[in-house]
Amino acid sequence: MGLISNGTTIFDNGTVNAGGSLNFISKATASSSASIEFTSGIDSTYKEYVFYFHSIHPQNDDASLSVTFSTDGGSTYGLTKTSTYFRAYHNESDTDTALAYLGSKDLAQSTAIQQLAQGIGNDNDQCTAGYLHIFNPSSTTFIKHYISRFNTYEGANYSMDQYCAGYINDTTAVNSIKFQMSSGNIDAGEILLFGVN
């Protein structure tokens, strides 16, 4: 069976396979916020949810953005997770580069917070941006997978491309998600939540 593309959609024998559409749910804007929580909008409506992070700026230098999950509307966090983490980086002076697995950031059956973006600088022009996907969070049969990718303007003037993937080892529906820095507040930035059809 052949695929035909008109540049924006793919047709397979007359049927459209356009992937999926994003449906805006909510937006949170940080302003010296200790954390940002999404305690509504994550339910059985969609099988996939995606968070987009725009210009997330920390109060403290060299801070890491992290995520944690809840099954009780945000009353408690700290579900068990297993994950893996790797990064690539390159500095402005073109003297230091690397691509490496970062075992210190991954988790193995841990209730600790999951780091998404590390080493974010707090100079006026420094920040991080990226996305986090969580799959089928309302399932009461399966564990919940998540993947993320962030690019950070690191405090020592590096571009740092960071990847994380893992699963929440719990078959209870996840309905709340919280983001915070490793130290200090989230000084500025926006987080947008979408459901994926």
N, C-alpha and C. Protein backbone atom coordinates (compact mmCIF):
# COMPACT_ATOMS: atom_id res chain seq x y z
N MET A 1 0.84 -1.18 0.00
CA MET A 1 0.00 0.00 0.00
C MET A 1 0.88 1.24 0.00
N GLY A 2 0.62 2.14 -0.91
CA GLY A 2 1.44 3.33 -1.03
C GLY A 2 0.92 4.48 -0.20
N LEU A 3 1.84 5.30 0.24
CA LEU A 3 1.49 6.51 0.96
C LEU A 3 1.63 7.70 0.03
N ILE A 4 0.68 8.60 0.09
CA ILE A 4 0.69 9.81 -0.73
C ILE A 4 0.68 11.00 0.21
N SER A 5 1.55 11.98 -0.03
CA SER A 5 1.59 13.16 0.82
C SER A 5 1.35 14.41 -0.02
N ASN A 6 0.55 15.33 0.53
CA ASN A 6 0.37 16.62 -0.13
C ASN A 6 1.20 17.71 0.56
N GLY A 7 2.12 17.29 1.42
CA GLY A 7 2.99 18.23 2.12
C GLY A 7 2.57 18.47 3.56
N THR A 8 1.30 18.23 3.87
CA THR A 8 0.85 18.44 5.25
C THR A 8 0.14 17.23 5.83
N THR A 9 -0.47 16.40 5.01
CA THR A 9 -1.13 15.19 5.49
C THR A 9 -0.71 14.00 4.67
N ILE A 10 -0.86 12.82 5.26
CA ILE A 10 -0.50 11.59 4.57
C ILE A 10 -1.77 10.79 4.32
N PHE A 11 -1.92 10.32 3.10
CA PHE A 11 -3.09 9.54 2.72
C PHE A 11 -2.65 8.11 2.43
N ASP A 12 -3.40 7.17 2.93
CA ASP A 12 -3.14 5.75 2.68
C ASP A 12 -4.40 5.15 2.09
N ASN A 13 -4.41 4.99 0.78
CA ASN A 13 -5.59 4.46 0.06
C ASN A 13 -6.85 5.25 0.41
N GLY A 14 -6.71 6.55 0.48
CA GLY A 14 -7.89 7.39 0.68
C GLY A 14 -8.19 7.73 2.12
N THR A 15 -7.49 7.14 3.10
CA THR A 15 -7.73 7.48 4.49
C THR A 15 -6.64 8.42 4.98
N VAL A 16 -7.03 9.33 5.85
CA VAL A 16 -6.07 10.30 6.36
C VAL A 16 -5.38 9.75 7.60
N ASN A 17 -4.05 9.84 7.63
CA ASN A 17 -3.27 9.47 8.80
C ASN A 17 -2.46 10.70 9.19
N ALA A 18 -3.09 11.62 9.92
CA ALA A 18 -2.45 12.90 10.22
C ALA A 18 -1.78 12.89 11.59
N GLY A 19 -1.70 11.74 12.24
CA GLY A 19 -1.03 11.67 13.53
C GLY A 19 -1.98 11.93 14.67
N GLY A 20 -2.14 13.11 15.11
CA GLY A 20 -3.04 13.45 16.20
C GLY A 20 -3.08 14.95 16.34
N SER A 21 -4.09 15.43 17.01
CA SER A 21 -4.19 16.87 17.19
C SER A 21 -4.02 17.22 18.66
N LEU A 22 -3.45 18.39 18.90
CA LEU A 22 -3.27 18.90 20.25
C LEU A 22 -4.49 19.70 20.65
N ASN A 23 -4.97 19.46 21.85
CA ASN A 23 -6.13 20.16 22.38
C ASN A 23 -5.71 20.89 23.66
N PHE A 24 -5.72 22.22 23.59
CA PHE A 24 -5.27 23.02 24.73
C PHE A 24 -6.17 22.80 25.94
N ILE A 25 -5.56 22.58 27.11
CA ILE A 25 -6.30 22.39 28.36
C ILE A 25 -6.09 23.55 29.31
N SER A 26 -4.83 23.89 29.60
CA SER A 26 -4.58 24.98 30.55
C SER A 26 -3.15 25.48 30.44
N LYS A 27 -2.92 26.64 31.04
CA LYS A 27 -1.59 27.25 31.06
C LYS A 27 -1.31 27.78 32.45
N ALA A 28 -0.09 27.59 32.92
CA ALA A 28 0.35 28.15 34.20
C ALA A 28 1.53 29.06 33.94
N THR A 29 1.52 30.24 34.54
CA THR A 29 2.61 31.20 34.40
C THR A 29 3.32 31.34 35.73
N ALA A 30 4.61 31.11 35.73
CA ALA A 30 5.39 31.20 36.97
C ALA A 30 5.72 32.65 37.28
N SER A 31 5.68 32.98 38.54
CA SER A 31 6.11 34.29 39.04
C SER A 31 6.63 34.09 40.45
N SER A 32 7.93 33.79 40.56
CA SER A 32 8.54 33.43 41.84
C SER A 32 7.74 32.33 42.53
N SER A 33 7.44 31.27 41.78
CA SER A 33 6.59 30.18 42.25
C SER A 33 7.44 29.05 42.84
N ALA A 34 7.08 28.62 44.05
CA ALA A 34 7.79 27.49 44.66
C ALA A 34 7.61 26.23 43.84
N SER A 35 6.44 26.07 43.24
CA SER A 35 6.16 24.94 42.36
C SER A 35 4.97 25.31 41.48
N ILE A 36 4.77 24.53 40.43
CA ILE A 36 3.58 24.67 39.59
C ILE A 36 2.92 23.31 39.54
N GLU A 37 1.64 23.26 39.92
CA GLU A 37 0.90 22.01 39.96
C GLU A 37 -0.25 22.04 38.96
N PHE A 38 -0.45 20.94 38.30
CA PHE A 38 -1.62 20.71 37.46
C PHE A 38 -2.45 19.64 38.16
N THR A 39 -3.52 20.07 38.83
CA THR A 39 -4.35 19.15 39.61
C THR A 39 -5.71 18.90 38.96
N SER A 40 -5.91 19.46 37.78
CA SER A 40 -7.13 19.18 37.03
C SER A 40 -6.77 19.11 35.55
N GLY A 41 -7.65 18.50 34.77
CA GLY A 41 -7.42 18.39 33.33
C GLY A 41 -6.70 17.14 32.90
N ILE A 42 -6.18 16.35 33.85
CA ILE A 42 -5.51 15.09 33.51
C ILE A 42 -6.45 13.96 33.93
N ASP A 43 -7.13 13.38 32.96
CA ASP A 43 -8.15 12.36 33.25
C ASP A 43 -8.22 11.41 32.07
N SER A 44 -9.32 10.69 31.95
CA SER A 44 -9.45 9.68 30.90
C SER A 44 -9.87 10.25 29.55
N THR A 45 -9.96 11.58 29.43
CA THR A 45 -10.36 12.19 28.16
C THR A 45 -9.37 11.85 27.05
N TYR A 46 -8.07 11.86 27.36
CA TYR A 46 -7.03 11.60 26.36
C TYR A 46 -6.13 10.48 26.83
N LYS A 47 -5.54 9.77 25.87
CA LYS A 47 -4.58 8.71 26.17
C LYS A 47 -3.15 9.25 26.28
N GLU A 48 -2.95 10.50 25.87
CA GLU A 48 -1.63 11.11 25.94
C GLU A 48 -1.79 12.58 26.30
N TYR A 49 -0.90 13.05 27.17
CA TYR A 49 -0.86 14.47 27.54
C TYR A 49 0.56 14.98 27.32
N VAL A 50 0.66 16.24 26.90
CA VAL A 50 1.97 16.83 26.69
C VAL A 50 2.02 18.20 27.35
N PHE A 51 3.11 18.44 28.06
CA PHE A 51 3.40 19.74 28.67
C PHE A 51 4.49 20.41 27.85
N TYR A 52 4.28 21.68 27.49
CA TYR A 52 5.30 22.48 26.82
C TYR A 52 5.80 23.55 27.78
N PHE A 53 7.10 23.70 27.86
CA PHE A 53 7.75 24.62 28.78
C PHE A 53 8.41 25.74 27.99
N HIS A 54 8.02 26.98 28.27
CA HIS A 54 8.55 28.14 27.55
C HIS A 54 9.34 29.02 28.51
N SER A 55 10.63 29.22 28.23
CA SER A 55 11.48 30.18 28.94
C SER A 55 11.39 30.02 30.45
N ILE A 56 11.63 28.81 30.95
CA ILE A 56 11.60 28.54 32.39
C ILE A 56 12.91 29.04 33.00
N HIS A 57 12.77 30.04 33.86
CA HIS A 57 13.92 30.75 34.44
C HIS A 57 13.95 30.52 35.95
N PRO A 58 15.06 30.01 36.49
CA PRO A 58 15.13 29.74 37.92
C PRO A 58 15.56 30.96 38.74
N GLN A 59 15.17 30.96 39.99
CA GLN A 59 15.64 31.99 40.92
C GLN A 59 17.13 31.82 41.20
N ASN A 60 17.55 30.56 41.40
CA ASN A 60 18.94 30.27 41.77
C ASN A 60 19.71 29.74 40.57
N ASP A 61 21.00 30.05 40.53
CA ASP A 61 21.86 29.56 39.47
C ASP A 61 22.09 28.06 39.60
N ASP A 62 22.28 27.39 38.48
CA ASP A 62 22.60 25.97 38.43
C ASP A 62 21.49 25.11 39.04
N ALA A 63 20.24 25.52 38.85
CA ALA A 63 19.10 24.77 39.37
C ALA A 63 18.64 23.74 38.35
N SER A 64 17.95 22.72 38.83
CA SER A 64 17.40 21.67 37.97
C SER A 64 15.89 21.67 38.07
N LEU A 65 15.22 21.57 36.92
CA LEU A 65 13.77 21.46 36.88
C LEU A 65 13.40 19.99 37.02
N SER A 66 12.41 19.71 37.89
CA SER A 66 12.02 18.33 38.13
C SER A 66 10.51 18.17 38.10
N VAL A 67 10.07 16.91 38.06
CA VAL A 67 8.64 16.57 38.03
C VAL A 67 8.38 15.46 39.04
N THR A 68 7.17 15.47 39.59
CA THR A 68 6.70 14.39 40.44
C THR A 68 5.20 14.21 40.20
N PHE A 69 4.68 13.03 40.51
CA PHE A 69 3.34 12.64 40.11
C PHE A 69 2.48 12.24 41.31
N SER A 70 1.15 12.38 41.15
CA SER A 70 0.22 12.07 42.22
C SER A 70 -0.99 11.31 41.68
N THR A 71 -1.56 10.45 42.52
CA THR A 71 -2.79 9.73 42.17
C THR A 71 -3.98 10.22 42.99
N ASP A 72 -3.78 11.19 43.88
CA ASP A 72 -4.86 11.63 44.77
C ASP A 72 -5.13 13.13 44.69
N GLY A 73 -5.05 13.67 43.47
CA GLY A 73 -5.36 15.07 43.28
C GLY A 73 -4.34 16.04 43.82
N GLY A 74 -3.13 15.57 44.07
CA GLY A 74 -2.06 16.43 44.56
C GLY A 74 -1.93 16.47 46.06
N SER A 75 -2.69 15.65 46.79
CA SER A 75 -2.53 15.60 48.25
C SER A 75 -1.17 15.03 48.64
N THR A 76 -0.72 14.02 47.90
CA THR A 76 0.61 13.45 48.12
C THR A 76 1.27 13.20 46.77
N TYR A 77 2.58 13.33 46.75
CA TYR A 77 3.38 13.06 45.56
C TYR A 77 4.45 12.02 45.92
N GLY A 78 5.15 11.54 44.91
CA GLY A 78 6.25 10.63 45.17
C GLY A 78 5.96 9.20 44.76
N LEU A 79 5.40 9.00 43.55
CA LEU A 79 5.15 7.65 43.06
C LEU A 79 6.46 7.00 42.63
N THR A 80 6.50 5.69 42.66
CA THR A 80 7.70 4.93 42.31
C THR A 80 7.95 5.00 40.80
N LYS A 81 9.19 5.31 40.44
CA LYS A 81 9.57 5.50 39.04
C LYS A 81 10.87 4.78 38.72
N THR A 82 10.99 4.34 37.48
CA THR A 82 12.26 3.86 36.94
C THR A 82 12.49 4.60 35.63
N SER A 83 13.72 5.12 35.44
CA SER A 83 13.96 5.98 34.28
C SER A 83 15.42 5.92 33.83
N THR A 84 15.68 6.53 32.69
CA THR A 84 17.03 6.67 32.16
C THR A 84 17.21 8.09 31.64
N TYR A 85 18.46 8.56 31.61
CA TYR A 85 18.73 9.98 31.35
C TYR A 85 20.05 10.10 30.58
N PHE A 86 20.04 10.87 29.50
CA PHE A 86 21.32 11.18 28.84
C PHE A 86 21.29 12.60 28.30
N ARG A 87 22.45 13.11 27.95
CA ARG A 87 22.55 14.50 27.52
C ARG A 87 23.70 14.67 26.52
N ALA A 88 23.58 15.75 25.75
CA ALA A 88 24.68 16.24 24.93
C ALA A 88 24.89 17.70 25.29
N TYR A 89 26.14 18.16 25.26
CA TYR A 89 26.37 19.58 25.54
C TYR A 89 27.52 20.13 24.72
N HIS A 90 27.53 21.46 24.61
CA HIS A 90 28.55 22.18 23.84
C HIS A 90 28.63 23.59 24.40
N ASN A 91 29.83 24.07 24.67
CA ASN A 91 29.93 25.41 25.25
C ASN A 91 30.16 26.49 24.20
N GLU A 92 29.94 27.74 24.61
CA GLU A 92 30.03 28.88 23.68
C GLU A 92 31.42 29.07 23.11
N SER A 93 32.46 28.73 23.88
CA SER A 93 33.83 28.93 23.40
C SER A 93 34.32 27.78 22.52
N ASP A 94 33.44 26.77 22.28
CA ASP A 94 33.76 25.65 21.39
C ASP A 94 34.95 24.85 21.89
N THR A 95 35.10 24.73 23.23
CA THR A 95 36.23 24.00 23.81
C THR A 95 35.80 22.75 24.57
N ASP A 96 34.49 22.51 24.71
CA ASP A 96 34.05 21.37 25.51
C ASP A 96 32.74 20.82 24.94
N THR A 97 32.73 19.55 24.60
CA THR A 97 31.54 18.88 24.09
C THR A 97 31.45 17.48 24.67
N ALA A 98 30.24 16.93 24.73
CA ALA A 98 30.07 15.55 25.18
C ALA A 98 28.69 15.04 24.81
N LEU A 99 28.59 13.75 24.69
CA LEU A 99 27.32 13.03 24.58
C LEU A 99 27.46 11.83 25.49
N ALA A 100 26.61 11.75 26.53
CA ALA A 100 26.83 10.71 27.53
C ALA A 100 25.56 10.33 28.28
N TYR A 101 25.50 9.07 28.67
CA TYR A 101 24.51 8.59 29.62
C TYR A 101 24.86 9.19 30.99
N LEU A 102 23.86 9.63 31.72
CA LEU A 102 24.09 10.29 33.01
C LEU A 102 23.36 9.50 34.10
N GLY A 103 24.03 8.48 34.59
CA GLY A 103 23.43 7.58 35.56
C GLY A 103 23.01 8.24 36.86
N SER A 104 23.63 9.35 37.20
CA SER A 104 23.28 10.02 38.46
C SER A 104 21.91 10.68 38.42
N LYS A 105 21.32 10.81 37.23
CA LYS A 105 20.01 11.47 37.09
C LYS A 105 18.88 10.48 36.85
N ASP A 106 19.20 9.22 36.59
CA ASP A 106 18.12 8.27 36.38
C ASP A 106 17.66 7.68 37.71
N LEU A 107 16.55 6.96 37.67
CA LEU A 107 15.94 6.41 38.88
C LEU A 107 15.73 4.91 38.71
N ALA A 108 15.79 4.18 39.81
CA ALA A 108 15.54 2.74 39.80
C ALA A 108 14.60 2.41 40.96
N GLN A 109 13.32 2.27 40.65
CA GLN A 109 12.30 2.00 41.66
C GLN A 109 12.40 3.00 42.81
N SER A 110 12.40 4.28 42.43
CA SER A 110 12.62 5.36 43.38
C SER A 110 11.39 6.26 43.47
N THR A 111 11.14 6.79 44.66
CA THR A 111 10.06 7.77 44.85
C THR A 111 10.60 9.20 44.79
N ALA A 112 11.89 9.36 44.48
CA ALA A 112 12.49 10.69 44.37
C ALA A 112 11.90 11.45 43.18
N ILE A 113 12.09 12.76 43.18
CA ILE A 113 11.66 13.57 42.04
C ILE A 113 12.47 13.19 40.80
N GLN A 114 11.87 13.37 39.63
CA GLN A 114 12.54 13.08 38.37
C GLN A 114 13.10 14.37 37.78
N GLN A 115 14.41 14.47 37.64
CA GLN A 115 14.99 15.65 37.00
C GLN A 115 14.72 15.60 35.50
N LEU A 116 14.37 16.78 34.96
CA LEU A 116 14.10 16.93 33.53
C LEU A 116 15.15 17.78 32.84
N ALA A 117 15.60 18.84 33.51
CA ALA A 117 16.59 19.76 32.93
C ALA A 117 17.50 20.22 34.05
N GLN A 118 18.79 20.05 33.87
CA GLN A 118 19.74 20.36 34.92
C GLN A 118 20.59 21.58 34.59
N GLY A 119 21.17 22.17 35.63
CA GLY A 119 22.17 23.21 35.47
C GLY A 119 21.68 24.50 34.85
N ILE A 120 20.40 24.84 35.03
CA ILE A 120 19.84 26.03 34.38
C ILE A 120 20.44 27.28 35.01
N GLY A 121 20.96 28.17 34.16
CA GLY A 121 21.54 29.42 34.66
C GLY A 121 20.46 30.43 35.03
N ASN A 122 20.80 31.34 35.94
CA ASN A 122 19.82 32.36 36.34
C ASN A 122 20.21 33.77 35.90
N ASP A 123 21.19 33.90 34.96
CA ASP A 123 21.41 35.21 34.35
C ASP A 123 20.11 35.66 33.69
N ASN A 124 19.99 36.95 33.46
CA ASN A 124 18.73 37.49 32.92
C ASN A 124 18.29 36.82 31.63
N ASP A 125 19.24 36.36 30.80
CA ASP A 125 18.88 35.77 29.51
C ASP A 125 18.91 34.25 29.51
N GLN A 126 19.12 33.61 30.65
CA GLN A 126 19.24 32.16 30.70
C GLN A 126 17.92 31.50 31.11
N CYS A 127 17.66 30.32 30.54
CA CYS A 127 16.42 29.60 30.83
C CYS A 127 16.51 28.21 30.23
N THR A 128 15.42 27.45 30.38
CA THR A 128 15.30 26.15 29.71
C THR A 128 13.95 26.09 29.01
N ALA A 129 13.85 25.23 28.01
CA ALA A 129 12.61 25.03 27.27
C ALA A 129 12.56 23.58 26.82
N GLY A 130 11.33 23.04 26.74
CA GLY A 130 11.22 21.66 26.31
C GLY A 130 9.82 21.13 26.43
N TYR A 131 9.72 19.80 26.52
CA TYR A 131 8.41 19.17 26.61
C TYR A 131 8.49 17.89 27.44
N LEU A 132 7.34 17.51 27.99
CA LEU A 132 7.17 16.25 28.70
C LEU A 132 5.89 15.59 28.22
N HIS A 133 5.98 14.34 27.79
CA HIS A 133 4.80 13.55 27.41
C HIS A 133 4.54 12.52 28.50
N ILE A 134 3.27 12.32 28.85
CA ILE A 134 2.88 11.20 29.70
C ILE A 134 1.77 10.45 28.97
N PHE A 135 1.88 9.12 28.98
CA PHE A 135 1.01 8.28 28.17
C PHE A 135 0.02 7.52 29.05
N ASN A 136 -1.25 7.63 28.68
CA ASN A 136 -2.34 6.90 29.32
C ASN A 136 -2.32 7.01 30.85
N PRO A 137 -2.28 8.22 31.39
CA PRO A 137 -2.16 8.37 32.84
C PRO A 137 -3.35 7.84 33.63
N SER A 138 -4.52 7.70 32.99
CA SER A 138 -5.71 7.25 33.70
C SER A 138 -5.87 5.74 33.72
N SER A 139 -4.96 5.02 33.10
CA SER A 139 -5.06 3.56 33.07
C SER A 139 -5.01 2.99 34.49
N THR A 140 -5.89 2.04 34.75
CA THR A 140 -5.83 1.30 36.01
C THR A 140 -5.37 -0.14 35.76
N THR A 141 -4.84 -0.38 34.56
CA THR A 141 -4.31 -1.68 34.19
C THR A 141 -2.80 -1.65 34.04
N PHE A 142 -2.29 -0.58 33.40
CA PHE A 142 -0.88 -0.52 33.06
C PHE A 142 -0.13 0.56 33.83
N ILE A 143 1.20 0.42 33.85
CA ILE A 143 2.07 1.49 34.35
C ILE A 143 1.99 2.66 33.37
N LYS A 144 2.57 3.82 33.73
CA LYS A 144 2.48 5.02 32.89
C LYS A 144 3.88 5.42 32.41
N HIS A 145 4.04 5.49 31.09
CA HIS A 145 5.31 5.91 30.50
C HIS A 145 5.38 7.42 30.38
N TYR A 146 6.60 7.97 30.46
CA TYR A 146 6.82 9.38 30.18
C TYR A 146 8.15 9.56 29.46
N ILE A 147 8.20 10.60 28.62
CA ILE A 147 9.43 10.97 27.92
C ILE A 147 9.55 12.49 27.94
N SER A 148 10.77 12.98 27.96
CA SER A 148 10.97 14.44 27.93
C SER A 148 12.24 14.78 27.16
N ARG A 149 12.25 16.02 26.68
CA ARG A 149 13.45 16.57 26.05
C ARG A 149 13.48 18.06 26.36
N PHE A 150 14.64 18.53 26.82
CA PHE A 150 14.84 19.93 27.17
C PHE A 150 16.16 20.43 26.61
N ASN A 151 16.18 21.70 26.22
CA ASN A 151 17.44 22.37 25.94
C ASN A 151 17.62 23.48 26.97
N THR A 152 18.78 23.50 27.59
CA THR A 152 19.06 24.43 28.68
C THR A 152 20.22 25.34 28.32
N TYR A 153 20.05 26.62 28.64
CA TYR A 153 21.19 27.56 28.63
C TYR A 153 21.80 27.44 30.01
N GLU A 154 22.83 26.64 30.10
CA GLU A 154 23.45 26.28 31.38
C GLU A 154 24.26 27.45 31.93
N GLY A 155 24.42 27.47 33.25
CA GLY A 155 25.03 28.61 33.93
C GLY A 155 26.42 28.98 33.46
N ALA A 156 27.21 28.00 33.01
CA ALA A 156 28.56 28.27 32.53
C ALA A 156 28.60 28.44 31.02
N ASN A 157 27.47 28.85 30.42
CA ASN A 157 27.36 29.17 29.00
C ASN A 157 27.51 27.95 28.10
N TYR A 158 26.76 26.92 28.43
CA TYR A 158 26.65 25.72 27.61
C TYR A 158 25.24 25.61 27.06
N SER A 159 25.13 25.03 25.86
CA SER A 159 23.85 24.52 25.38
C SER A 159 23.80 23.05 25.77
N MET A 160 22.78 22.66 26.55
CA MET A 160 22.69 21.30 27.04
C MET A 160 21.37 20.68 26.60
N ASP A 161 21.45 19.63 25.78
CA ASP A 161 20.29 18.92 25.25
C ASP A 161 20.09 17.67 26.10
N GLN A 162 18.94 17.58 26.81
CA GLN A 162 18.75 16.55 27.82
C GLN A 162 17.51 15.70 27.53
N TYR A 163 17.68 14.40 27.64
CA TYR A 163 16.62 13.43 27.35
C TYR A 163 16.36 12.58 28.59
N CYS A 164 15.09 12.37 28.89
CA CYS A 164 14.72 11.48 29.99
C CYS A 164 13.54 10.63 29.54
N ALA A 165 13.52 9.38 29.95
CA ALA A 165 12.39 8.50 29.68
C ALA A 165 12.26 7.52 30.83
N GLY A 166 11.02 7.20 31.17
CA GLY A 166 10.82 6.26 32.26
C GLY A 166 9.37 5.85 32.37
N TYR A 167 9.07 5.18 33.48
CA TYR A 167 7.70 4.80 33.74
C TYR A 167 7.40 4.94 35.23
N ILE A 168 6.14 5.28 35.51
CA ILE A 168 5.62 5.32 36.87
C ILE A 168 5.10 3.92 37.16
N ASN A 169 5.69 3.26 38.13
CA ASN A 169 5.38 1.86 38.39
C ASN A 169 4.17 1.75 39.33
N ASP A 170 3.02 2.16 38.81
CA ASP A 170 1.79 2.20 39.59
C ASP A 170 0.62 2.02 38.63
N THR A 171 -0.36 1.22 38.99
CA THR A 171 -1.52 1.02 38.13
C THR A 171 -2.72 1.84 38.58
N THR A 172 -2.52 2.74 39.54
CA THR A 172 -3.56 3.69 39.91
C THR A 172 -3.51 4.87 38.94
N ALA A 173 -4.65 5.46 38.63
CA ALA A 173 -4.69 6.59 37.70
C ALA A 173 -3.91 7.77 38.24
N VAL A 174 -3.02 8.32 37.43
CA VAL A 174 -2.29 9.56 37.77
C VAL A 174 -3.16 10.74 37.36
N ASN A 175 -3.41 11.66 38.29
CA ASN A 175 -4.30 12.79 37.98
C ASN A 175 -3.73 14.16 38.33
N SER A 176 -2.51 14.21 38.86
CA SER A 176 -1.88 15.49 39.18
C SER A 176 -0.37 15.40 38.96
N ILE A 177 0.20 16.51 38.52
CA ILE A 177 1.63 16.56 38.22
C ILE A 177 2.18 17.89 38.74
N LYS A 178 3.34 17.82 39.41
CA LYS A 178 3.95 19.02 39.99
C LYS A 178 5.36 19.21 39.46
N PHE A 179 5.69 20.47 39.14
CA PHE A 179 7.02 20.85 38.67
C PHE A 179 7.66 21.81 39.68
N GLN A 180 8.96 21.64 39.92
CA GLN A 180 9.67 22.51 40.85
C GLN A 180 11.15 22.52 40.51
N MET A 181 11.86 23.49 41.11
CA MET A 181 13.31 23.56 40.95
C MET A 181 13.99 22.82 42.10
N SER A 182 15.23 22.41 41.87
CA SER A 182 15.99 21.73 42.91
C SER A 182 16.34 22.67 44.05
N SER A 183 16.41 23.96 43.75
CA SER A 183 16.60 24.97 44.80
C SER A 183 15.99 26.28 44.32
N GLY A 184 15.37 26.99 45.24
CA GLY A 184 14.75 28.26 44.90
C GLY A 184 13.46 28.07 44.11
N ASN A 185 12.92 29.19 43.67
CA ASN A 185 11.64 29.22 42.97
C ASN A 185 11.80 29.10 41.47
N ILE A 186 10.68 28.86 40.80
CA ILE A 186 10.59 29.05 39.35
C ILE A 186 10.28 30.52 39.17
N ASP A 187 11.27 31.28 38.77
CA ASP A 187 11.16 32.73 38.76
C ASP A 187 10.22 33.24 37.68
N ALA A 188 10.25 32.60 36.51
CA ALA A 188 9.42 33.04 35.38
C ALA A 188 9.28 31.89 34.39
N GLY A 189 8.34 32.05 33.47
CA GLY A 189 8.13 31.07 32.42
C GLY A 189 6.70 30.58 32.37
N GLU A 190 6.38 29.82 31.33
CA GLU A 190 5.03 29.29 31.14
C GLU A 190 5.09 27.78 30.91
N ILE A 191 4.07 27.09 31.42
CA ILE A 191 3.90 25.67 31.14
C ILE A 191 2.50 25.50 30.58
N LEU A 192 2.40 24.90 29.41
CA LEU A 192 1.11 24.68 28.75
C LEU A 192 0.81 23.19 28.73
N LEU A 193 -0.43 22.84 29.01
CA LEU A 193 -0.89 21.46 29.01
C LEU A 193 -1.84 21.22 27.85
N PHE A 194 -1.56 20.16 27.09
CA PHE A 194 -2.40 19.76 25.97
C PHE A 194 -2.77 18.29 26.10
N GLY A 195 -3.95 17.94 25.62
CA GLY A 195 -4.32 16.55 25.41
C GLY A 195 -4.13 16.22 23.94
N VAL A 196 -3.78 14.96 23.67
CA VAL A 196 -3.49 14.53 22.30
C VAL A 196 -4.57 13.55 21.86
N ASN A 197 -5.27 13.89 20.77
CA ASN A 197 -6.27 12.97 20.20
C ASN A 197 -5.59 11.82 19.50
